[in-house]
Amino acid sequence: MRNLITTLTILLLIIAGIWFSAPKLLERLVPHIIEKSETQQFNDMLLDMKPDAAIQAGFIQTSHEQSWSNEAFLSFLGIEIPLGQTAATLRAPIKVYYGVRPHAIHALKSVKGQLHLTVDRVEVLSVDADISKLEIKTNIGWARLDTMSGEEARSRAKKAFEQSKYQAADSMLQSLQVTAHVREAMKAIATQISGISDVYVERLDLSTTTHNPTLPYTIPLD
């Protein structure tokens, strides 16, 4: 009889413990369930986007300049006679568009309705030069022809301009202005695709910028 009473007492204590602790357990478990749901939902939506999609965060307007030059000599009786240096300098306004690819965005957690994100890479999406405002300056060597050395210098300078404008664009991304614009774009895209308006970007990596000369598909941020 005594053993039965002891057993019943223990059972009652266990039931009472579960009864009083259940709300606290649920209070701890539910946020984790909601957090997993929100973060997983956001990450799944990002994966569903087009592989070549890009979230444009902003642009920078500046000017870019590139020069190319070479010297020529005439050999006469073993003597090198300088014919002068021909140089061409190109200068034009450029607009650098930057943003983030969906695969570089990751939702980490949700804290009291606030979605925490990380951005692994910010990219230069395109660099557009305003050719209508292109300035070309050519200096021809004293004994050389514009139709030959001048044309070559301008052609070489144009090719160098196209290549170097992306390198110049990469260096422009290391600024607080870009950081602020990308953070705002992340908030906008999170609101747009998931309805979550409270977004915090925990980490934003500007050190691994790349460029893509074409921008096939841009996600509009309304």
C-alpha atoms as a PDB file:
ATOM      1  CA  MET A   1       0.000   0.000   0.000  1.00  0.00           C
ATOM      2  CA  ARG A   2       2.798   2.376   0.942  1.00  0.00           C
ATOM      3  CA  ASN A   3       4.570   1.633  -2.376  1.00  0.00           C
ATOM      4  CA  LEU A   4       1.395   2.420  -4.301  1.00  0.00           C
ATOM      5  CA  ILE A   5       0.995   5.763  -2.528  1.00  0.00           C
ATOM      6  CA  THR A   6       4.649   6.592  -3.232  1.00  0.00           C
ATOM      7  CA  THR A   7       4.256   5.673  -6.906  1.00  0.00           C
ATOM      8  CA  LEU A   8       1.092   7.757  -7.263  1.00  0.00           C
ATOM      9  CA  THR A   9       2.794  10.710  -5.558  1.00  0.00           C
ATOM     10  CA  ILE A  10       5.711  10.565  -7.963  1.00  0.00           C
ATOM     11  CA  LEU A  11       3.349  10.368 -10.939  1.00  0.00           C
ATOM     12  CA  LEU A  12       1.384  13.360  -9.698  1.00  0.00           C
ATOM     13  CA  LEU A  13       4.581  15.352  -9.240  1.00  0.00           C
ATOM     14  CA  ILE A  14       5.710  14.483 -12.760  1.00  0.00           C
ATOM     15  CA  ILE A  15       2.328  15.451 -14.218  1.00  0.00           C
ATOM     16  CA  ALA A  16       2.343  18.707 -12.254  1.00  0.00           C
ATOM     17  CA  GLY A  17       5.852  19.479 -13.461  1.00  0.00           C
ATOM     18  CA  ILE A  18       4.904  18.890 -17.088  1.00  0.00           C
ATOM     19  CA  TRP A  19       1.737  20.969 -16.651  1.00  0.00           C
ATOM     20  CA  PHE A  20       3.537  23.988 -15.259  1.00  0.00           C
ATOM     21  CA  SER A  21       6.570  23.766 -17.558  1.00  0.00           C
ATOM     22  CA  ALA A  22       4.673  23.151 -20.804  1.00  0.00           C
ATOM     23  CA  PRO A  23       3.964  26.853 -21.505  1.00  0.00           C
ATOM     24  CA  LYS A  24       7.631  27.703 -21.002  1.00  0.00           C
ATOM     25  CA  LEU A  25       8.704  24.885 -23.304  1.00  0.00           C
ATOM     26  CA  LEU A  26       6.285  26.043 -25.983  1.00  0.00           C
ATOM     27  CA  GLU A  27       7.472  29.608 -25.539  1.00  0.00           C
ATOM     28  CA  ARG A  28      11.012  28.444 -26.285  1.00  0.00           C
ATOM     29  CA  LEU A  29      10.138  26.121 -29.146  1.00  0.00           C
ATOM     30  CA  VAL A  30       7.695  28.273 -31.109  1.00  0.00           C
ATOM     31  CA  PRO A  31      10.120  31.126 -31.955  1.00  0.00           C
ATOM     32  CA  HIS A  32      12.604  28.588 -33.325  1.00  0.00           C
ATOM     33  CA  ILE A  33       9.894  27.013 -35.474  1.00  0.00           C
ATOM     34  CA  ILE A  34       8.816  30.446 -36.769  1.00  0.00           C
ATOM     35  CA  GLU A  35      12.436  31.490 -37.303  1.00  0.00           C
ATOM     36  CA  LYS A  36      13.190  28.389 -39.340  1.00  0.00           C
ATOM     37  CA  SER A  37      10.044  28.906 -41.370  1.00  0.00           C
ATOM     38  CA  GLU A  38      10.803  32.553 -42.222  1.00  0.00           C
ATOM     39  CA  THR A  39      14.475  32.071 -43.014  1.00  0.00           C
ATOM     40  CA  GLN A  40      13.894  28.889 -44.999  1.00  0.00           C
ATOM     41  CA  GLN A  41      11.051  30.515 -46.906  1.00  0.00           C
ATOM     42  CA  PHE A  42      13.234  33.496 -47.827  1.00  0.00           C
ATOM     43  CA  ASN A  43      16.184  31.326 -48.885  1.00  0.00           C
ATOM     44  CA  ASP A  44      13.891  29.106 -50.976  1.00  0.00           C
ATOM     45  CA  MET A  45      12.493  32.163 -52.749  1.00  0.00           C
ATOM     46  CA  LEU A  46      16.022  33.302 -53.596  1.00  0.00           C
ATOM     47  CA  LEU A  47      16.822  29.879 -55.051  1.00  0.00           C
ATOM     48  CA  ASP A  48      13.724  30.090 -57.241  1.00  0.00           C
ATOM     49  CA  MET A  49      14.988  33.239 -58.955  1.00  0.00           C
ATOM     50  CA  LYS A  50      16.563  33.109 -62.400  1.00  0.00           C
ATOM     51  CA  PRO A  51      20.249  32.038 -62.319  1.00  0.00           C
ATOM     52  CA  ASP A  52      21.307  35.161 -64.218  1.00  0.00           C
ATOM     53  CA  ALA A  53      19.216  37.522 -62.111  1.00  0.00           C
ATOM     54  CA  ALA A  54      20.763  40.564 -60.483  1.00  0.00           C
ATOM     55  CA  ILE A  55      19.438  42.858 -57.796  1.00  0.00           C
ATOM     56  CA  GLN A  56      20.591  46.316 -58.785  1.00  0.00           C
ATOM     57  CA  ALA A  57      21.461  48.366 -55.704  1.00  0.00           C
ATOM     58  CA  GLY A  58      22.599  51.619 -57.275  1.00  0.00           C
ATOM     59  CA  PHE A  59      25.052  53.312 -59.583  1.00  0.00           C
ATOM     60  CA  ILE A  60      27.997  55.694 -59.481  1.00  0.00           C
ATOM     61  CA  GLN A  61      28.637  58.364 -62.105  1.00  0.00           C
ATOM     62  CA  THR A  62      32.185  59.454 -62.768  1.00  0.00           C
ATOM     63  CA  SER A  63      34.628  59.921 -65.642  1.00  0.00           C
ATOM     64  CA  HIS A  64      37.322  57.587 -66.868  1.00  0.00           C
ATOM     65  CA  GLU A  65      40.497  58.384 -68.761  1.00  0.00           C
ATOM     66  CA  GLN A  66      42.876  56.088 -70.610  1.00  0.00           C
ATOM     67  CA  SER A  67      46.011  56.829 -72.627  1.00  0.00           C
ATOM     68  CA  TRP A  68      48.238  54.887 -74.986  1.00  0.00           C
ATOM     69  CA  SER A  69      51.511  55.987 -76.563  1.00  0.00           C
ATOM     70  CA  ASN A  70      54.557  54.704 -78.394  1.00  0.00           C
ATOM     71  CA  GLU A  71      57.795  56.030 -79.838  1.00  0.00           C
ATOM     72  CA  ALA A  72      59.356  55.391 -83.230  1.00  0.00           C
ATOM     73  CA  PHE A  73      62.970  55.546 -84.416  1.00  0.00           C
ATOM     74  CA  LEU A  74      64.677  55.580 -87.786  1.00  0.00           C
ATOM     75  CA  SER A  75      67.911  53.638 -88.067  1.00  0.00           C
ATOM     76  CA  PHE A  76      70.447  55.435 -90.283  1.00  0.00           C
ATOM     77  CA  LEU A  77      74.093  54.376 -90.503  1.00  0.00           C
ATOM     78  CA  GLY A  78      73.789  52.663 -87.137  1.00  0.00           C
ATOM     79  CA  ILE A  79      72.276  55.717 -85.519  1.00  0.00           C
ATOM     80  CA  GLU A  80      68.762  55.660 -83.993  1.00  0.00           C
ATOM     81  CA  ILE A  81      67.024  58.878 -84.970  1.00  0.00           C
ATOM     82  CA  PRO A  82      63.888  59.550 -82.877  1.00  0.00           C
ATOM     83  CA  LEU A  83      60.793  60.325 -84.906  1.00  0.00           C
ATOM     84  CA  GLY A  84      58.797  61.418 -81.877  1.00  0.00           C
ATOM     85  CA  GLN A  85      56.166  59.974 -79.605  1.00  0.00           C
ATOM     86  CA  THR A  86      52.541  59.583 -80.673  1.00  0.00           C
ATOM     87  CA  ALA A  87      49.974  59.465 -77.877  1.00  0.00           C
ATOM     88  CA  ALA A  88      46.181  59.267 -77.670  1.00  0.00           C
ATOM     89  CA  THR A  89      44.089  60.013 -74.583  1.00  0.00           C
ATOM     90  CA  LEU A  90      40.414  59.102 -74.254  1.00  0.00           C
ATOM     91  CA  ARG A  91      38.101  60.538 -71.625  1.00  0.00           C
ATOM     92  CA  ALA A  92      34.385  59.845 -71.189  1.00  0.00           C
ATOM     93  CA  PRO A  93      31.700  59.835 -68.477  1.00  0.00           C
ATOM     94  CA  ILE A  94      30.889  56.360 -67.176  1.00  0.00           C
ATOM     95  CA  LYS A  95      28.043  55.006 -65.104  1.00  0.00           C
ATOM     96  CA  VAL A  96      28.858  52.037 -62.874  1.00  0.00           C
ATOM     97  CA  TYR A  97      25.903  49.840 -61.918  1.00  0.00           C
ATOM     98  CA  TYR A  98      26.405  47.565 -58.922  1.00  0.00           C
ATOM     99  CA  GLY A  99      24.310  45.014 -57.107  1.00  0.00           C
ATOM    100  CA  VAL A 100      23.992  41.496 -55.755  1.00  0.00           C
ATOM    101  CA  ARG A 101      23.183  38.110 -57.249  1.00  0.00           C
ATOM    102  CA  PRO A 102      20.509  36.145 -55.352  1.00  0.00           C
ATOM    103  CA  HIS A 103      22.905  33.270 -54.612  1.00  0.00           C
ATOM    104  CA  ALA A 104      25.100  35.692 -52.618  1.00  0.00           C
ATOM    105  CA  ILE A 105      22.286  36.489 -50.151  1.00  0.00           C
ATOM    106  CA  HIS A 106      21.584  34.252 -47.177  1.00  0.00           C
ATOM    107  CA  ALA A 107      18.968  34.545 -44.445  1.00  0.00           C
ATOM    108  CA  LEU A 108      20.507  33.513 -41.128  1.00  0.00           C
ATOM    109  CA  LYS A 109      17.770  33.903 -38.568  1.00  0.00           C
ATOM    110  CA  SER A 110      14.664  35.795 -37.565  1.00  0.00           C
ATOM    111  CA  VAL A 111      14.715  37.670 -34.267  1.00  0.00           C
ATOM    112  CA  LYS A 112      11.357  39.009 -33.090  1.00  0.00           C
ATOM    113  CA  GLY A 113      10.177  39.456 -36.662  1.00  0.00           C
ATOM    114  CA  GLN A 114      13.459  40.965 -37.869  1.00  0.00           C
ATOM    115  CA  LEU A 115      15.163  39.016 -40.671  1.00  0.00           C
ATOM    116  CA  HIS A 116      18.966  38.853 -40.431  1.00  0.00           C
ATOM    117  CA  LEU A 117      20.863  38.564 -43.751  1.00  0.00           C
ATOM    118  CA  THR A 118      24.423  38.230 -44.994  1.00  0.00           C
ATOM    119  CA  VAL A 119      25.688  39.309 -48.419  1.00  0.00           C
ATOM    120  CA  ASP A 120      28.721  37.371 -49.638  1.00  0.00           C
ATOM    121  CA  ARG A 121      29.583  39.442 -52.694  1.00  0.00           C
ATOM    122  CA  VAL A 122      28.735  42.770 -54.288  1.00  0.00           C
ATOM    123  CA  GLU A 123      29.311  42.886 -58.040  1.00  0.00           C
ATOM    124  CA  VAL A 124      29.834  45.492 -60.698  1.00  0.00           C
ATOM    125  CA  LEU A 125      26.937  44.561 -62.955  1.00  0.00           C
ATOM    126  CA  SER A 126      27.748  46.827 -65.887  1.00  0.00           C
ATOM    127  CA  VAL A 127      29.808  49.866 -66.829  1.00  0.00           C
ATOM    128  CA  ASP A 128      28.275  52.145 -69.439  1.00  0.00           C
ATOM    129  CA  ALA A 129      30.386  54.795 -71.146  1.00  0.00           C
ATOM    130  CA  ASP A 130      28.675  57.817 -72.684  1.00  0.00           C
ATOM    131  CA  ILE A 131      30.338  57.696 -76.105  1.00  0.00           C
ATOM    132  CA  SER A 132      28.476  60.821 -77.214  1.00  0.00           C
ATOM    133  CA  LYS A 133      30.636  62.781 -74.762  1.00  0.00           C
ATOM    134  CA  LEU A 134      33.865  60.978 -75.584  1.00  0.00           C
ATOM    135  CA  GLU A 135      36.888  63.283 -75.705  1.00  0.00           C
ATOM    136  CA  ILE A 136      39.888  62.195 -77.769  1.00  0.00           C
ATOM    137  CA  LYS A 137      43.204  64.010 -77.690  1.00  0.00           C
ATOM    138  CA  THR A 138      46.005  62.933 -80.013  1.00  0.00           C
ATOM    139  CA  ASN A 139      49.591  64.136 -80.098  1.00  0.00           C
ATOM    140  CA  ILE A 140      51.554  63.114 -83.179  1.00  0.00           C
ATOM    141  CA  GLY A 141      55.319  62.652 -83.172  1.00  0.00           C
ATOM    142  CA  TRP A 142      57.170  65.382 -85.084  1.00  0.00           C
ATOM    143  CA  ALA A 143      58.116  63.076 -87.980  1.00  0.00           C
ATOM    144  CA  ARG A 144      55.110  60.767 -87.962  1.00  0.00           C
ATOM    145  CA  LEU A 145      51.712  60.690 -89.709  1.00  0.00           C
ATOM    146  CA  ASP A 146      48.297  60.945 -88.095  1.00  0.00           C
ATOM    147  CA  THR A 147      46.833  58.499 -90.628  1.00  0.00           C
ATOM    148  CA  MET A 148      49.211  55.810 -89.405  1.00  0.00           C
ATOM    149  CA  SER A 149      50.557  56.326 -85.886  1.00  0.00           C
ATOM    150  CA  GLY A 150      47.609  58.503 -84.849  1.00  0.00           C
ATOM    151  CA  GLU A 151      45.013  55.934 -85.913  1.00  0.00           C
ATOM    152  CA  GLU A 152      46.930  53.154 -84.185  1.00  0.00           C
ATOM    153  CA  ALA A 153      47.218  55.143 -80.969  1.00  0.00           C
ATOM    154  CA  ARG A 154      43.490  55.918 -80.906  1.00  0.00           C
ATOM    155  CA  SER A 155      42.568  52.304 -81.650  1.00  0.00           C
ATOM    156  CA  ARG A 156      44.859  50.971 -78.923  1.00  0.00           C
ATOM    157  CA  ALA A 157      43.601  53.579 -76.451  1.00  0.00           C
ATOM    158  CA  LYS A 158      39.976  52.569 -77.112  1.00  0.00           C
ATOM    159  CA  LYS A 159      40.739  48.906 -76.418  1.00  0.00           C
ATOM    160  CA  ALA A 160      42.611  49.824 -73.247  1.00  0.00           C
ATOM    161  CA  PHE A 161      39.708  52.063 -72.203  1.00  0.00           C
ATOM    162  CA  GLU A 162      37.216  49.198 -72.477  1.00  0.00           C
ATOM    163  CA  GLN A 163      39.387  46.915 -70.366  1.00  0.00           C
ATOM    164  CA  SER A 164      40.432  49.407 -67.717  1.00  0.00           C
ATOM    165  CA  LYS A 165      36.976  50.860 -67.045  1.00  0.00           C
ATOM    166  CA  TYR A 166      35.987  47.684 -65.172  1.00  0.00           C
ATOM    167  CA  GLN A 167      39.108  47.823 -63.016  1.00  0.00           C
ATOM    168  CA  ALA A 168      38.295  51.443 -62.206  1.00  0.00           C
ATOM    169  CA  ALA A 169      34.717  50.446 -61.385  1.00  0.00           C
ATOM    170  CA  ASP A 170      35.825  47.757 -58.915  1.00  0.00           C
ATOM    171  CA  SER A 171      37.829  50.290 -56.916  1.00  0.00           C
ATOM    172  CA  MET A 172      34.793  52.576 -56.669  1.00  0.00           C
ATOM    173  CA  LEU A 173      32.773  50.015 -54.711  1.00  0.00           C
ATOM    174  CA  GLN A 174      34.853  50.396 -51.574  1.00  0.00           C
ATOM    175  CA  SER A 175      32.748  53.236 -50.217  1.00  0.00           C
ATOM    176  CA  LEU A 176      30.175  53.890 -47.509  1.00  0.00           C
ATOM    177  CA  GLN A 177      27.743  55.088 -50.163  1.00  0.00           C
ATOM    178  CA  VAL A 178      27.741  51.667 -51.818  1.00  0.00           C
ATOM    179  CA  THR A 179      27.355  49.909 -48.467  1.00  0.00           C
ATOM    180  CA  ALA A 180      24.319  52.013 -47.604  1.00  0.00           C
ATOM    181  CA  HIS A 181      22.704  51.478 -51.021  1.00  0.00           C
ATOM    182  CA  VAL A 182      23.211  47.693 -50.888  1.00  0.00           C
ATOM    183  CA  ARG A 183      21.692  47.489 -47.409  1.00  0.00           C
ATOM    184  CA  GLU A 184      18.660  49.442 -48.592  1.00  0.00           C
ATOM    185  CA  ALA A 185      18.342  47.184 -51.649  1.00  0.00           C
ATOM    186  CA  MET A 186      18.421  44.087 -49.446  1.00  0.00           C
ATOM    187  CA  LYS A 187      15.601  45.495 -47.346  1.00  0.00           C
ATOM    188  CA  ALA A 188      13.613  46.282 -50.470  1.00  0.00           C
ATOM    189  CA  ILE A 189      14.056  42.839 -52.044  1.00  0.00           C
ATOM    190  CA  ALA A 190      13.215  41.086 -48.762  1.00  0.00           C
ATOM    191  CA  THR A 191      10.005  43.088 -48.520  1.00  0.00           C
ATOM    192  CA  GLN A 192       9.208  42.437 -52.159  1.00  0.00           C
ATOM    193  CA  ILE A 193       9.641  38.666 -52.197  1.00  0.00           C
ATOM    194  CA  SER A 194       8.665  37.725 -48.656  1.00  0.00           C
ATOM    195  CA  GLY A 195       6.683  40.608 -47.194  1.00  0.00           C
ATOM    196  CA  ILE A 196       9.202  41.069 -44.363  1.00  0.00           C
ATOM    197  CA  SER A 197       9.915  44.776 -43.940  1.00  0.00           C
ATOM    198  CA  ASP A 198      12.201  44.635 -40.908  1.00  0.00           C
ATOM    199  CA  VAL A 199      15.595  43.507 -42.248  1.00  0.00           C
ATOM    200  CA  TYR A 200      19.064  43.710 -40.730  1.00  0.00           C
ATOM    201  CA  VAL A 201      22.186  42.998 -42.823  1.00  0.00           C
ATOM    202  CA  GLU A 202      24.680  41.439 -40.427  1.00  0.00           C
ATOM    203  CA  ARG A 203      27.593  41.146 -42.869  1.00  0.00           C
ATOM    204  CA  LEU A 204      28.274  42.795 -46.211  1.00  0.00           C
ATOM    205  CA  ASP A 205      31.391  41.778 -48.153  1.00  0.00           C
ATOM    206  CA  LEU A 206      32.719  44.403 -50.580  1.00  0.00           C
ATOM    207  CA  SER A 207      36.157  42.814 -50.880  1.00  0.00           C
ATOM    208  CA  THR A 208      35.252  40.253 -53.560  1.00  0.00           C
ATOM    209  CA  THR A 209      33.789  42.428 -56.284  1.00  0.00           C
ATOM    210  CA  THR A 210      33.587  41.084 -59.810  1.00  0.00           C
ATOM    211  CA  HIS A 211      32.189  42.441 -63.031  1.00  0.00           C
ATOM    212  CA  ASN A 212      29.881  41.118 -65.667  1.00  0.00           C
ATOM    213  CA  PRO A 213      29.762  43.153 -68.880  1.00  0.00           C
ATOM    214  CA  THR A 214      26.175  42.038 -69.567  1.00  0.00           C
ATOM    215  CA  LEU A 215      23.149  42.384 -67.366  1.00  0.00           C
ATOM    216  CA  PRO A 216      20.556  39.992 -68.846  1.00  0.00           C
ATOM    217  CA  TYR A 217      17.914  40.290 -66.171  1.00  0.00           C
ATOM    218  CA  THR A 218      17.490  42.882 -63.456  1.00  0.00           C
ATOM    219  CA  ILE A 219      15.048  42.539 -60.591  1.00  0.00           C
ATOM    220  CA  PRO A 220      13.145  45.843 -60.284  1.00  0.00           C
ATOM    221  CA  LEU A 221      12.880  47.269 -56.794  1.00  0.00           C
ATOM    222  CA  ASP A 222       9.479  48.981 -56.701  1.00  0.00           C
END
